[in-house]
Amino acid sequence: MNGITLLKCICEETRFNILELLQKNNEMSVNDLVMKLKKDQPLVSHHLRLLKECGIVTASERGKMTMYAIANKDISRMISDIVKTSEKMATVCCETPGCC
């Protein structure tokens, strides 16, 4: 996967929010993500499937539950770096209210 493909896969609000939650919590079930995101289960499952197909998240069965986690430390670190950088840029670069 090249950089553009990776960014296209994570550059959607729900998918990025899922990745942020997984980065903070190590692993979560679909139900946990649905409750945290306040989104419908089919929507969350759809985005998890896409992230899994891209190799960004992994899924493991725990009885009747499927637990999702970020696939590797590099992706986890990238998500953390994006969040930190965007917070810095929002305070430094954005003078127009609501631009970012």
C-alpha atoms as a PDB file:
ATOM      1  CA  MET A   1       0.000   0.000   0.000  1.00  0.00           C
ATOM      2  CA  ASN A   2       1.352   3.415  -0.884  1.00  0.00           C
ATOM      3  CA  GLY A   3       0.932   6.582   1.168  1.00  0.00           C
ATOM      4  CA  ILE A   4      -1.988   7.941  -0.859  1.00  0.00           C
ATOM      5  CA  THR A   5      -3.940   4.686  -0.492  1.00  0.00           C
ATOM      6  CA  LEU A   6      -3.280   4.619   3.248  1.00  0.00           C
ATOM      7  CA  LEU A   7      -4.424   8.205   3.698  1.00  0.00           C
ATOM      8  CA  LYS A   8      -7.550   7.607   1.608  1.00  0.00           C
ATOM      9  CA  CYS A   9      -8.422   4.671   3.830  1.00  0.00           C
ATOM     10  CA  ILE A  10      -8.072   6.562   7.126  1.00  0.00           C
ATOM     11  CA  CYS A  11      -9.160  10.000   5.901  1.00  0.00           C
ATOM     12  CA  GLU A  12     -12.853   9.584   6.673  1.00  0.00           C
ATOM     13  CA  GLU A  13     -14.275  10.942   9.918  1.00  0.00           C
ATOM     14  CA  THR A  14     -15.831   7.752  11.281  1.00  0.00           C
ATOM     15  CA  ARG A  15     -12.821   5.610  10.351  1.00  0.00           C
ATOM     16  CA  PHE A  16     -10.405   8.074  11.904  1.00  0.00           C
ATOM     17  CA  ASN A  17     -12.537   8.246  15.071  1.00  0.00           C
ATOM     18  CA  ILE A  18     -12.480   4.441  15.243  1.00  0.00           C
ATOM     19  CA  LEU A  19      -8.696   4.485  14.925  1.00  0.00           C
ATOM     20  CA  GLU A  20      -8.369   7.128  17.640  1.00  0.00           C
ATOM     21  CA  LEU A  21     -10.456   4.999  20.011  1.00  0.00           C
ATOM     22  CA  LEU A  22      -8.514   1.849  19.184  1.00  0.00           C
ATOM     23  CA  GLN A  23      -5.227   3.694  19.609  1.00  0.00           C
ATOM     24  CA  LYS A  24      -6.277   4.796  23.109  1.00  0.00           C
ATOM     25  CA  ASN A  25      -7.923   1.514  24.186  1.00  0.00           C
ATOM     26  CA  ASN A  26      -5.736  -1.115  22.451  1.00  0.00           C
ATOM     27  CA  GLU A  27      -8.746  -3.191  21.392  1.00  0.00           C
ATOM     28  CA  MET A  28     -12.506  -2.838  21.380  1.00  0.00           C
ATOM     29  CA  SER A  29     -15.579  -4.729  20.263  1.00  0.00           C
ATOM     30  CA  VAL A  30     -18.037  -3.415  17.697  1.00  0.00           C
ATOM     31  CA  ASN A  31     -20.527  -2.762  20.518  1.00  0.00           C
ATOM     32  CA  ASP A  32     -17.946  -0.735  22.467  1.00  0.00           C
ATOM     33  CA  LEU A  33     -17.211   1.355  19.378  1.00  0.00           C
ATOM     34  CA  VAL A  34     -20.930   1.853  18.638  1.00  0.00           C
ATOM     35  CA  MET A  35     -21.506   3.170  22.178  1.00  0.00           C
ATOM     36  CA  LYS A  36     -18.481   5.495  22.119  1.00  0.00           C
ATOM     37  CA  LEU A  37     -19.120   6.822  18.605  1.00  0.00           C
ATOM     38  CA  LYS A  38     -22.911   7.031  19.005  1.00  0.00           C
ATOM     39  CA  LYS A  39     -23.291   5.604  15.492  1.00  0.00           C
ATOM     40  CA  ASP A  40     -25.366   2.731  14.153  1.00  0.00           C
ATOM     41  CA  GLN A  41     -23.815  -0.725  14.339  1.00  0.00           C
ATOM     42  CA  PRO A  42     -24.040  -1.434  10.568  1.00  0.00           C
ATOM     43  CA  LEU A  43     -22.139   1.795   9.836  1.00  0.00           C
ATOM     44  CA  VAL A  44     -19.390   1.014  12.352  1.00  0.00           C
ATOM     45  CA  SER A  45     -19.119  -2.564  11.059  1.00  0.00           C
ATOM     46  CA  HIS A  46     -18.836  -1.267   7.486  1.00  0.00           C
ATOM     47  CA  HIS A  47     -15.942   1.024   8.385  1.00  0.00           C
ATOM     48  CA  LEU A  48     -14.221  -1.698  10.406  1.00  0.00           C
ATOM     49  CA  ARG A  49     -14.461  -4.032   7.411  1.00  0.00           C
ATOM     50  CA  LEU A  50     -12.825  -1.415   5.179  1.00  0.00           C
ATOM     51  CA  LEU A  51     -10.057  -0.776   7.718  1.00  0.00           C
ATOM     52  CA  LYS A  52      -9.487  -4.530   8.010  1.00  0.00           C
ATOM     53  CA  GLU A  53      -9.333  -4.960   4.231  1.00  0.00           C
ATOM     54  CA  CYS A  54      -6.675  -2.229   4.110  1.00  0.00           C
ATOM     55  CA  GLY A  55      -4.666  -4.045   6.799  1.00  0.00           C
ATOM     56  CA  ILE A  56      -5.003  -1.150   9.236  1.00  0.00           C
ATOM     57  CA  VAL A  57      -6.928  -3.078  11.894  1.00  0.00           C
ATOM     58  CA  THR A  58      -7.007  -6.711  12.920  1.00  0.00           C
ATOM     59  CA  ALA A  59      -9.911  -8.743  14.246  1.00  0.00           C
ATOM     60  CA  SER A  60      -9.801 -11.609  16.727  1.00  0.00           C
ATOM     61  CA  GLU A  61     -12.648 -13.773  17.950  1.00  0.00           C
ATOM     62  CA  ARG A  62     -13.356 -13.884  21.692  1.00  0.00           C
ATOM     63  CA  GLY A  63     -16.279 -16.219  22.098  1.00  0.00           C
ATOM     64  CA  LYS A  64     -19.216 -14.486  20.423  1.00  0.00           C
ATOM     65  CA  MET A  65     -17.424 -11.136  20.243  1.00  0.00           C
ATOM     66  CA  THR A  66     -14.989  -9.880  17.663  1.00  0.00           C
ATOM     67  CA  MET A  67     -12.311  -7.628  19.086  1.00  0.00           C
ATOM     68  CA  TYR A  68     -10.625  -5.053  16.860  1.00  0.00           C
ATOM     69  CA  ALA A  69      -7.184  -3.537  17.287  1.00  0.00           C
ATOM     70  CA  ILE A  70      -4.798  -1.416  15.273  1.00  0.00           C
ATOM     71  CA  ALA A  71      -2.659  -3.759  13.173  1.00  0.00           C
ATOM     72  CA  ASN A  72       0.772  -2.542  14.273  1.00  0.00           C
ATOM     73  CA  LYS A  73       2.706   0.012  16.310  1.00  0.00           C
ATOM     74  CA  ASP A  74       3.601   2.113  13.260  1.00  0.00           C
ATOM     75  CA  ILE A  75      -0.053   2.772  12.452  1.00  0.00           C
ATOM     76  CA  SER A  76      -0.826   3.471  16.108  1.00  0.00           C
ATOM     77  CA  ARG A  77       2.063   5.933  16.290  1.00  0.00           C
ATOM     78  CA  MET A  78       0.927   7.578  13.043  1.00  0.00           C
ATOM     79  CA  ILE A  79      -2.605   8.115  14.420  1.00  0.00           C
ATOM     80  CA  SER A  80      -1.165   9.590  17.607  1.00  0.00           C
ATOM     81  CA  ASP A  81       1.153  11.868  15.605  1.00  0.00           C
ATOM     82  CA  ILE A  82      -1.699  13.057  13.373  1.00  0.00           C
ATOM     83  CA  VAL A  83      -3.823  13.942  16.411  1.00  0.00           C
ATOM     84  CA  LYS A  84      -0.961  15.798  18.129  1.00  0.00           C
ATOM     85  CA  THR A  85       0.054  17.641  14.958  1.00  0.00           C
ATOM     86  CA  SER A  86      -3.506  18.671  14.135  1.00  0.00           C
ATOM     87  CA  GLU A  87      -3.977  20.036  17.651  1.00  0.00           C
ATOM     88  CA  LYS A  88      -0.785  22.089  17.315  1.00  0.00           C
ATOM     89  CA  MET A  89      -1.704  23.342  13.849  1.00  0.00           C
ATOM     90  CA  ALA A  90      -5.199  24.338  14.936  1.00  0.00           C
ATOM     91  CA  THR A  91      -3.762  26.677  17.568  1.00  0.00           C
ATOM     92  CA  VAL A  92      -0.966  28.038  15.368  1.00  0.00           C
ATOM     93  CA  CYS A  93      -2.329  28.175  11.835  1.00  0.00           C
ATOM     94  CA  CYS A  94      -6.061  28.663  12.000  1.00  0.00           C
ATOM     95  CA  GLU A  95      -7.188  32.203  12.590  1.00  0.00           C
ATOM     96  CA  THR A  96     -10.474  31.819  10.752  1.00  0.00           C
ATOM     97  CA  PRO A  97     -13.142  30.374  13.091  1.00  0.00           C
ATOM     98  CA  GLY A  98     -14.448  27.040  11.887  1.00  0.00           C
ATOM     99  CA  CYS A  99     -11.883  26.582   9.109  1.00  0.00           C
ATOM    100  CA  CYS A 100     -10.531  23.287  10.459  1.00  0.00           C
END
